[in-house]
Amino acid sequence: GFKNECPCGVVNEENFKTIYSQFFPQGDSSMY
């Protein structure tokens, strides 16, 4: 699953924030 989502093998903070925000569309999850 990790390699499907992240073929390059690592994830940076901006991409982490982007997908995390999809779980909380009603608020701003960037800082958490």
PDB file of all heavy atoms in Angstrom:
ATOM      1  N   GLY A   1       0.815  -1.206   0.000  1.00  0.00           N
ATOM      2  CA  GLY A   1       0.000   0.000   0.000  1.00  0.00           C
ATOM      3  C   GLY A   1       0.852   1.260   0.000  1.00  0.00           C
ATOM      4  O   GLY A   1       0.549   2.236  -0.690  1.00  0.00           O
ATOM      5  N   PHE A   2       1.940   1.238   0.769  1.00  0.00           N
ATOM      6  CA  PHE A   2       2.827   2.403   0.847  1.00  0.00           C
ATOM      7  C   PHE A   2       3.443   2.686  -0.518  1.00  0.00           C
ATOM      8  O   PHE A   2       3.498   3.832  -0.971  1.00  0.00           O
ATOM      9  CB  PHE A   2       3.938   2.135   1.874  1.00  0.00           C
ATOM     10  CG  PHE A   2       4.820   3.319   2.167  1.00  0.00           C
ATOM     11  CD1 PHE A   2       4.551   4.150   3.234  1.00  0.00           C
ATOM     12  CD2 PHE A   2       5.928   3.586   1.370  1.00  0.00           C
ATOM     13  CE1 PHE A   2       5.376   5.241   3.516  1.00  0.00           C
ATOM     14  CE2 PHE A   2       6.752   4.668   1.637  1.00  0.00           C
ATOM     15  CZ  PHE A   2       6.477   5.498   2.716  1.00  0.00           C
ATOM     16  N   LYS A   3       3.900   1.639  -1.206  1.00  0.00           N
ATOM     17  CA  LYS A   3       4.561   1.834  -2.492  1.00  0.00           C
ATOM     18  C   LYS A   3       3.562   2.239  -3.577  1.00  0.00           C
ATOM     19  O   LYS A   3       3.901   2.974  -4.506  1.00  0.00           O
ATOM     20  CB  LYS A   3       5.321   0.574  -2.905  1.00  0.00           C
ATOM     21  CG  LYS A   3       6.315   0.827  -4.035  1.00  0.00           C
ATOM     22  CD  LYS A   3       7.319  -0.299  -4.177  1.00  0.00           C
ATOM     23  CE  LYS A   3       6.681  -1.568  -4.666  1.00  0.00           C
ATOM     24  NZ  LYS A   3       7.723  -2.560  -5.069  1.00  0.00           N
ATOM     25  N   ASN A   4       2.319   1.754  -3.460  1.00  0.00           N
ATOM     26  CA  ASN A   4       1.285   2.189  -4.395  1.00  0.00           C
ATOM     27  C   ASN A   4       1.050   3.690  -4.276  1.00  0.00           C
ATOM     28  O   ASN A   4       0.906   4.402  -5.276  1.00  0.00           O
ATOM     29  CB  ASN A   4      -0.036   1.459  -4.122  1.00  0.00           C
ATOM     30  CG  ASN A   4      -0.136   0.142  -4.860  1.00  0.00           C
ATOM     31  OD1 ASN A   4       0.530  -0.069  -5.863  1.00  0.00           O
ATOM     32  ND2 ASN A   4      -0.976  -0.749  -4.368  1.00  0.00           N
ATOM     33  N   GLU A   5       0.959   4.173  -3.024  1.00  0.00           N
ATOM     34  CA  GLU A   5       0.696   5.578  -2.780  1.00  0.00           C
ATOM     35  C   GLU A   5       1.943   6.435  -2.964  1.00  0.00           C
ATOM     36  O   GLU A   5       1.852   7.610  -3.308  1.00  0.00           O
ATOM     37  CB  GLU A   5       0.148   5.776  -1.357  1.00  0.00           C
ATOM     38  CG  GLU A   5      -1.201   5.122  -1.091  1.00  0.00           C
ATOM     39  CD  GLU A   5      -2.328   5.812  -1.826  1.00  0.00           C
ATOM     40  OE1 GLU A   5      -2.141   6.971  -2.262  1.00  0.00           O
ATOM     41  OE2 GLU A   5      -3.400   5.202  -1.984  1.00  0.00           O
ATOM     42  N   CYS A   6       3.106   5.842  -2.730  1.00  0.00           N
ATOM     43  CA  CYS A   6       4.349   6.610  -2.734  1.00  0.00           C
ATOM     44  C   CYS A   6       5.462   5.835  -3.434  1.00  0.00           C
ATOM     45  O   CYS A   6       6.338   5.280  -2.773  1.00  0.00           O
ATOM     46  CB  CYS A   6       4.737   6.927  -1.297  1.00  0.00           C
ATOM     47  SG  CYS A   6       6.148   8.027  -1.165  1.00  0.00           S
ATOM     48  N   PRO A   7       5.446   5.759  -4.763  1.00  0.00           N
ATOM     49  CA  PRO A   7       6.435   4.963  -5.494  1.00  0.00           C
ATOM     50  C   PRO A   7       7.880   5.378  -5.245  1.00  0.00           C
ATOM     51  O   PRO A   7       8.778   4.555  -5.379  1.00  0.00           O
ATOM     52  CB  PRO A   7       6.044   5.195  -6.962  1.00  0.00           C
ATOM     53  CG  PRO A   7       4.604   5.551  -6.916  1.00  0.00           C
ATOM     54  CD  PRO A   7       4.432   6.353  -5.653  1.00  0.00           C
ATOM     55  N   CYS A   8       8.109   6.652  -4.893  1.00  0.00           N
ATOM     56  CA  CYS A   8       9.489   7.087  -4.673  1.00  0.00           C
ATOM     57  C   CYS A   8      10.027   6.623  -3.321  1.00  0.00           C
ATOM     58  O   CYS A   8      11.214   6.762  -3.052  1.00  0.00           O
ATOM     59  CB  CYS A   8       9.611   8.603  -4.800  1.00  0.00           C
ATOM     60  SG  CYS A   8       8.690   9.521  -3.560  1.00  0.00           S
ATOM     61  N   GLY A   9       9.179   6.080  -2.487  1.00  0.00           N
ATOM     62  CA  GLY A   9       9.651   5.474  -1.245  1.00  0.00           C
ATOM     63  C   GLY A   9       9.655   6.364  -0.029  1.00  0.00           C
ATOM     64  O   GLY A   9       9.889   5.894   1.087  1.00  0.00           O
ATOM     65  N   VAL A  10       9.411   7.670  -0.202  1.00  0.00           N
ATOM     66  CA  VAL A  10       9.354   8.592   0.934  1.00  0.00           C
ATOM     67  C   VAL A  10       8.239   9.599   0.687  1.00  0.00           C
ATOM     68  O   VAL A  10       7.791   9.786  -0.442  1.00  0.00           O
ATOM     69  CB  VAL A  10      10.685   9.349   1.149  1.00  0.00           C
ATOM     70  CG1 VAL A  10      11.799   8.412   1.555  1.00  0.00           C
ATOM     71  CG2 VAL A  10      11.067  10.122  -0.106  1.00  0.00           C
ATOM     72  N   VAL A  11       7.782  10.251   1.749  1.00  0.00           N
ATOM     73  CA  VAL A  11       6.770  11.301   1.625  1.00  0.00           C
ATOM     74  C   VAL A  11       7.276  12.541   2.341  1.00  0.00           C
ATOM     75  O   VAL A  11       7.880  12.451   3.411  1.00  0.00           O
ATOM     76  CB  VAL A  11       5.422  10.846   2.221  1.00  0.00           C
ATOM     77  CG1 VAL A  11       5.529  10.517   3.687  1.00  0.00           C
ATOM     78  CG2 VAL A  11       4.351  11.909   2.013  1.00  0.00           C
ATOM     79  N   ASN A  12       7.072  13.713   1.726  1.00  0.00           N
ATOM     80  CA  ASN A  12       7.489  14.945   2.383  1.00  0.00           C
ATOM     81  C   ASN A  12       6.311  15.564   3.129  1.00  0.00           C
ATOM     82  O   ASN A  12       5.178  15.098   3.041  1.00  0.00           O
ATOM     83  CB  ASN A  12       8.098  15.935   1.378  1.00  0.00           C
ATOM     84  CG  ASN A  12       7.111  16.366   0.308  1.00  0.00           C
ATOM     85  OD1 ASN A  12       5.906  16.488   0.559  1.00  0.00           O
ATOM     86  ND2 ASN A  12       7.604  16.613  -0.889  1.00  0.00           N
ATOM     87  N   GLU A  13       6.594  16.637   3.852  1.00  0.00           N
ATOM     88  CA  GLU A  13       5.582  17.214   4.741  1.00  0.00           C
ATOM     89  C   GLU A  13       4.403  17.816   3.982  1.00  0.00           C
ATOM     90  O   GLU A  13       3.249  17.663   4.396  1.00  0.00           O
ATOM     91  CB  GLU A  13       6.214  18.285   5.634  1.00  0.00           C
ATOM     92  CG  GLU A  13       5.222  18.884   6.615  1.00  0.00           C
ATOM     93  CD  GLU A  13       5.863  19.846   7.596  1.00  0.00           C
ATOM     94  OE1 GLU A  13       7.097  19.792   7.777  1.00  0.00           O
ATOM     95  OE2 GLU A  13       5.120  20.669   8.184  1.00  0.00           O
ATOM     96  N   GLU A  14       4.671  18.473   2.876  1.00  0.00           N
ATOM     97  CA  GLU A  14       3.586  19.114   2.145  1.00  0.00           C
ATOM     98  C   GLU A  14       2.583  18.096   1.610  1.00  0.00           C
ATOM     99  O   GLU A  14       1.367  18.304   1.668  1.00  0.00           O
ATOM    100  CB  GLU A  14       4.149  19.964   0.996  1.00  0.00           C
ATOM    101  CG  GLU A  14       4.853  21.222   1.452  1.00  0.00           C
ATOM    102  CD  GLU A  14       3.986  22.062   2.404  1.00  0.00           C
ATOM    103  OE1 GLU A  14       2.819  22.352   2.050  1.00  0.00           O
ATOM    104  OE2 GLU A  14       4.472  22.400   3.489  1.00  0.00           O
ATOM    105  N   ASN A  15       3.089  16.982   1.088  1.00  0.00           N
ATOM    106  CA  ASN A  15       2.193  15.940   0.600  1.00  0.00           C
ATOM    107  C   ASN A  15       1.436  15.271   1.750  1.00  0.00           C
ATOM    108  O   ASN A  15       0.278  14.888   1.613  1.00  0.00           O
ATOM    109  CB  ASN A  15       2.982  14.895  -0.188  1.00  0.00           C
ATOM    110  CG  ASN A  15       3.450  15.422  -1.528  1.00  0.00           C
ATOM    111  OD1 ASN A  15       2.721  16.121  -2.216  1.00  0.00           O
ATOM    112  ND2 ASN A  15       4.680  15.111  -1.895  1.00  0.00           N
ATOM    113  N   PHE A  16       2.117  15.128   2.866  1.00  0.00           N
ATOM    114  CA  PHE A  16       1.481  14.574   4.063  1.00  0.00           C
ATOM    115  C   PHE A  16       0.312  15.460   4.491  1.00  0.00           C
ATOM    116  O   PHE A  16      -0.782  14.979   4.781  1.00  0.00           O
ATOM    117  CB  PHE A  16       2.518  14.474   5.177  1.00  0.00           C
ATOM    118  CG  PHE A  16       2.039  13.779   6.425  1.00  0.00           C
ATOM    119  CD1 PHE A  16       2.199  12.416   6.590  1.00  0.00           C
ATOM    120  CD2 PHE A  16       1.441  14.500   7.449  1.00  0.00           C
ATOM    121  CE1 PHE A  16       1.774  11.779   7.741  1.00  0.00           C
ATOM    122  CE2 PHE A  16       0.999  13.872   8.602  1.00  0.00           C
ATOM    123  CZ  PHE A  16       1.169  12.508   8.752  1.00  0.00           C
ATOM    124  N   LYS A  17       0.538  16.768   4.503  1.00  0.00           N
ATOM    125  CA  LYS A  17      -0.515  17.715   4.881  1.00  0.00           C
ATOM    126  C   LYS A  17      -1.686  17.666   3.904  1.00  0.00           C
ATOM    127  O   LYS A  17      -2.856  17.725   4.312  1.00  0.00           O
ATOM    128  CB  LYS A  17       0.042  19.135   4.922  1.00  0.00           C
ATOM    129  CG  LYS A  17       0.955  19.437   6.098  1.00  0.00           C
ATOM    130  CD  LYS A  17       1.445  20.878   6.012  1.00  0.00           C
ATOM    131  CE  LYS A  17       2.314  21.238   7.193  1.00  0.00           C
ATOM    132  NZ  LYS A  17       2.806  22.635   7.106  1.00  0.00           N
ATOM    133  N   THR A  18      -1.366  17.559   2.628  1.00  0.00           N
ATOM    134  CA  THR A  18      -2.415  17.573   1.602  1.00  0.00           C
ATOM    135  C   THR A  18      -3.390  16.426   1.782  1.00  0.00           C
ATOM    136  O   THR A  18      -4.617  16.617   1.762  1.00  0.00           O
ATOM    137  CB  THR A  18      -1.797  17.508   0.193  1.00  0.00           C
ATOM    138  OG1 THR A  18      -0.980  18.665  -0.014  1.00  0.00           O
ATOM    139  CG2 THR A  18      -2.874  17.452  -0.872  1.00  0.00           C
ATOM    140  N   ILE A  19      -2.870  15.221   1.964  1.00  0.00           N
ATOM    141  CA  ILE A  19      -3.773  14.077   2.090  1.00  0.00           C
ATOM    142  C   ILE A  19      -4.455  14.076   3.460  1.00  0.00           C
ATOM    143  O   ILE A  19      -5.614  13.692   3.586  1.00  0.00           O
ATOM    144  CB  ILE A  19      -3.031  12.751   1.851  1.00  0.00           C
ATOM    145  CG1 ILE A  19      -4.042  11.617   1.670  1.00  0.00           C
ATOM    146  CG2 ILE A  19      -2.037  12.450   2.948  1.00  0.00           C
ATOM    147  CD1 ILE A  19      -4.967  11.766   0.497  1.00  0.00           C
ATOM    148  N   TYR A  20      -3.762  14.534   4.492  1.00  0.00           N
ATOM    149  CA  TYR A  20      -4.362  14.555   5.825  1.00  0.00           C
ATOM    150  C   TYR A  20      -5.555  15.491   5.864  1.00  0.00           C
ATOM    151  O   TYR A  20      -6.537  15.246   6.567  1.00  0.00           O
ATOM    152  CB  TYR A  20      -3.315  14.972   6.864  1.00  0.00           C
ATOM    153  CG  TYR A  20      -3.663  14.560   8.277  1.00  0.00           C
ATOM    154  CD1 TYR A  20      -3.411  13.264   8.728  1.00  0.00           C
ATOM    155  CD2 TYR A  20      -4.248  15.455   9.164  1.00  0.00           C
ATOM    156  CE1 TYR A  20      -3.732  12.881  10.015  1.00  0.00           C
ATOM    157  CE2 TYR A  20      -4.579  15.085  10.446  1.00  0.00           C
ATOM    158  CZ  TYR A  20      -4.316  13.795  10.871  1.00  0.00           C
ATOM    159  OH  TYR A  20      -4.654  13.419  12.138  1.00  0.00           O
ATOM    160  N   SER A  21      -5.487  16.562   5.086  1.00  0.00           N
ATOM    161  CA  SER A  21      -6.573  17.542   5.066  1.00  0.00           C
ATOM    162  C   SER A  21      -7.868  16.949   4.531  1.00  0.00           C
ATOM    163  O   SER A  21      -8.958  17.448   4.831  1.00  0.00           O
ATOM    164  CB  SER A  21      -6.173  18.756   4.224  1.00  0.00           C
ATOM    165  OG  SER A  21      -6.042  18.401   2.859  1.00  0.00           O
ATOM    166  N   GLN A  22      -7.764  15.889   3.748  1.00  0.00           N
ATOM    167  CA  GLN A  22      -8.961  15.271   3.190  1.00  0.00           C
ATOM    168  C   GLN A  22      -9.811  14.585   4.256  1.00  0.00           C
ATOM    169  O   GLN A  22     -10.999  14.366   4.063  1.00  0.00           O
ATOM    170  CB  GLN A  22      -8.569  14.269   2.104  1.00  0.00           C
ATOM    171  CG  GLN A  22      -7.863  14.918   0.930  1.00  0.00           C
ATOM    172  CD  GLN A  22      -7.409  13.913  -0.107  1.00  0.00           C
ATOM    173  OE1 GLN A  22      -7.990  12.833  -0.232  1.00  0.00           O
ATOM    174  NE2 GLN A  22      -6.371  14.254  -0.858  1.00  0.00           N
ATOM    175  N   PHE A  23      -9.205  14.261   5.375  1.00  0.00           N
ATOM    176  CA  PHE A  23      -9.943  13.637   6.474  1.00  0.00           C
ATOM    177  C   PHE A  23     -10.691  14.680   7.308  1.00  0.00           C
ATOM    178  O   PHE A  23     -11.592  14.331   8.077  1.00  0.00           O
ATOM    179  CB  PHE A  23      -8.991  12.848   7.382  1.00  0.00           C
ATOM    180  CG  PHE A  23      -8.452  11.602   6.755  1.00  0.00           C
ATOM    181  CD1 PHE A  23      -7.297  11.634   6.010  1.00  0.00           C
ATOM    182  CD2 PHE A  23      -9.109  10.388   6.900  1.00  0.00           C
ATOM    183  CE1 PHE A  23      -6.790  10.486   5.424  1.00  0.00           C
ATOM    184  CE2 PHE A  23      -8.614   9.239   6.319  1.00  0.00           C
ATOM    185  CZ  PHE A  23      -7.460   9.286   5.575  1.00  0.00           C
ATOM    186  N   PHE A  24     -10.299  15.954   7.182  1.00  0.00           N
ATOM    187  CA  PHE A  24     -10.916  17.011   7.985  1.00  0.00           C
ATOM    188  C   PHE A  24     -11.244  18.204   7.086  1.00  0.00           C
ATOM    189  O   PHE A  24     -10.695  19.306   7.256  1.00  0.00           O
ATOM    190  CB  PHE A  24      -9.984  17.436   9.120  1.00  0.00           C
ATOM    191  CG  PHE A  24      -9.594  16.304  10.025  1.00  0.00           C
ATOM    192  CD1 PHE A  24      -8.430  15.581   9.803  1.00  0.00           C
ATOM    193  CD2 PHE A  24     -10.413  15.934  11.090  1.00  0.00           C
ATOM    194  CE1 PHE A  24      -8.074  14.519  10.623  1.00  0.00           C
ATOM    195  CE2 PHE A  24     -10.065  14.881  11.914  1.00  0.00           C
ATOM    196  CZ  PHE A  24      -8.906  14.172  11.683  1.00  0.00           C
ATOM    197  N   PRO A  25     -12.144  18.014   6.122  1.00  0.00           N
ATOM    198  CA  PRO A  25     -12.459  19.092   5.164  1.00  0.00           C
ATOM    199  C   PRO A  25     -13.132  20.300   5.803  1.00  0.00           C
ATOM    200  O   PRO A  25     -13.107  21.387   5.248  1.00  0.00           O
ATOM    201  CB  PRO A  25     -13.398  18.401   4.169  1.00  0.00           C
ATOM    202  CG  PRO A  25     -14.031  17.288   4.955  1.00  0.00           C
ATOM    203  CD  PRO A  25     -12.962  16.815   5.882  1.00  0.00           C
ATOM    204  N   GLN A  26     -13.717  20.108   7.000  1.00  0.00           N
ATOM    205  CA  GLN A  26     -14.435  21.208   7.637  1.00  0.00           C
ATOM    206  C   GLN A  26     -13.507  22.146   8.403  1.00  0.00           C
ATOM    207  O   GLN A  26     -13.949  23.198   8.857  1.00  0.00           O
ATOM    208  CB  GLN A  26     -15.492  20.650   8.603  1.00  0.00           C
ATOM    209  CG  GLN A  26     -14.935  20.102   9.929  1.00  0.00           C
ATOM    210  CD  GLN A  26     -14.380  18.685   9.806  1.00  0.00           C
ATOM    211  OE1 GLN A  26     -14.171  18.189   8.710  1.00  0.00           O
ATOM    212  NE2 GLN A  26     -14.171  18.034  10.936  1.00  0.00           N
ATOM    213  N   GLY A  27     -12.241  21.768   8.536  1.00  0.00           N
ATOM    214  CA  GLY A  27     -11.317  22.602   9.305  1.00  0.00           C
ATOM    215  C   GLY A  27      -9.964  22.719   8.630  1.00  0.00           C
ATOM    216  O   GLY A  27      -9.785  22.338   7.474  1.00  0.00           O
ATOM    217  N   ASP A  28      -9.013  23.248   9.377  1.00  0.00           N
ATOM    218  CA  ASP A  28      -7.644  23.416   8.883  1.00  0.00           C
ATOM    219  C   ASP A  28      -6.738  22.474   9.672  1.00  0.00           C
ATOM    220  O   ASP A  28      -6.423  22.725  10.829  1.00  0.00           O
ATOM    221  CB  ASP A  28      -7.205  24.869   9.070  1.00  0.00           C
ATOM    222  CG  ASP A  28      -5.778  25.116   8.605  1.00  0.00           C
ATOM    223  OD1 ASP A  28      -5.156  24.177   8.079  1.00  0.00           O
ATOM    224  OD2 ASP A  28      -5.293  26.253   8.779  1.00  0.00           O
ATOM    225  N   SER A  29      -6.322  21.392   9.031  1.00  0.00           N
ATOM    226  CA  SER A  29      -5.520  20.375   9.720  1.00  0.00           C
ATOM    227  C   SER A  29      -4.027  20.551   9.502  1.00  0.00           C
ATOM    228  O   SER A  29      -3.238  19.712   9.950  1.00  0.00           O
ATOM    229  CB  SER A  29      -5.926  18.975   9.234  1.00  0.00           C
ATOM    230  OG  SER A  29      -5.646  18.827   7.848  1.00  0.00           O
ATOM    231  N   SER A  30      -3.620  21.607   8.832  1.00  0.00           N
ATOM    232  CA  SER A  30      -2.217  21.750   8.442  1.00  0.00           C
ATOM    233  C   SER A  30      -1.255  21.783   9.627  1.00  0.00           C
ATOM    234  O   SER A  30      -0.186  21.158   9.580  1.00  0.00           O
ATOM    235  CB  SER A  30      -2.026  23.005   7.581  1.00  0.00           C
ATOM    236  OG  SER A  30      -2.414  24.168   8.293  1.00  0.00           O
ATOM    237  N   MET A  31      -1.611  22.478  10.702  1.00  0.00           N
ATOM    238  CA  MET A  31      -0.696  22.574  11.826  1.00  0.00           C
ATOM    239  C   MET A  31      -0.593  21.258  12.588  1.00  0.00           C
ATOM    240  O   MET A  31       0.502  20.818  12.957  1.00  0.00           O
ATOM    241  CB  MET A  31      -1.135  23.700  12.777  1.00  0.00           C
ATOM    242  CG  MET A  31      -0.127  23.971  13.902  1.00  0.00           C
ATOM    243  SD  MET A  31       1.555  24.282  13.290  1.00  0.00           S
ATOM    244  CE  MET A  31       1.312  25.857  12.465  1.00  0.00           C
ATOM    245  N   TYR A  32      -1.739  20.602  12.800  1.00  0.00           N
ATOM    246  CA  TYR A  32      -1.675  19.309  13.495  1.00  0.00           C
ATOM    247  C   TYR A  32      -0.921  18.291  12.642  1.00  0.00           C
ATOM    248  O   TYR A  32      -0.148  17.480  13.166  1.00  0.00           O
ATOM    249  CB  TYR A  32      -3.081  18.796  13.813  1.00  0.00           C
ATOM    250  CG  TYR A  32      -3.055  17.545  14.665  1.00  0.00           C
ATOM    251  CD1 TYR A  32      -2.829  17.634  16.037  1.00  0.00           C
ATOM    252  CD2 TYR A  32      -3.232  16.276  14.099  1.00  0.00           C
ATOM    253  CE1 TYR A  32      -2.784  16.495  16.828  1.00  0.00           C
ATOM    254  CE2 TYR A  32      -3.187  15.140  14.885  1.00  0.00           C
ATOM    255  CZ  TYR A  32      -2.967  15.249  16.248  1.00  0.00           C
ATOM    256  OH  TYR A  32      -2.901  14.105  17.027  1.00  0.00           O
TER     257      TYR A  32
END
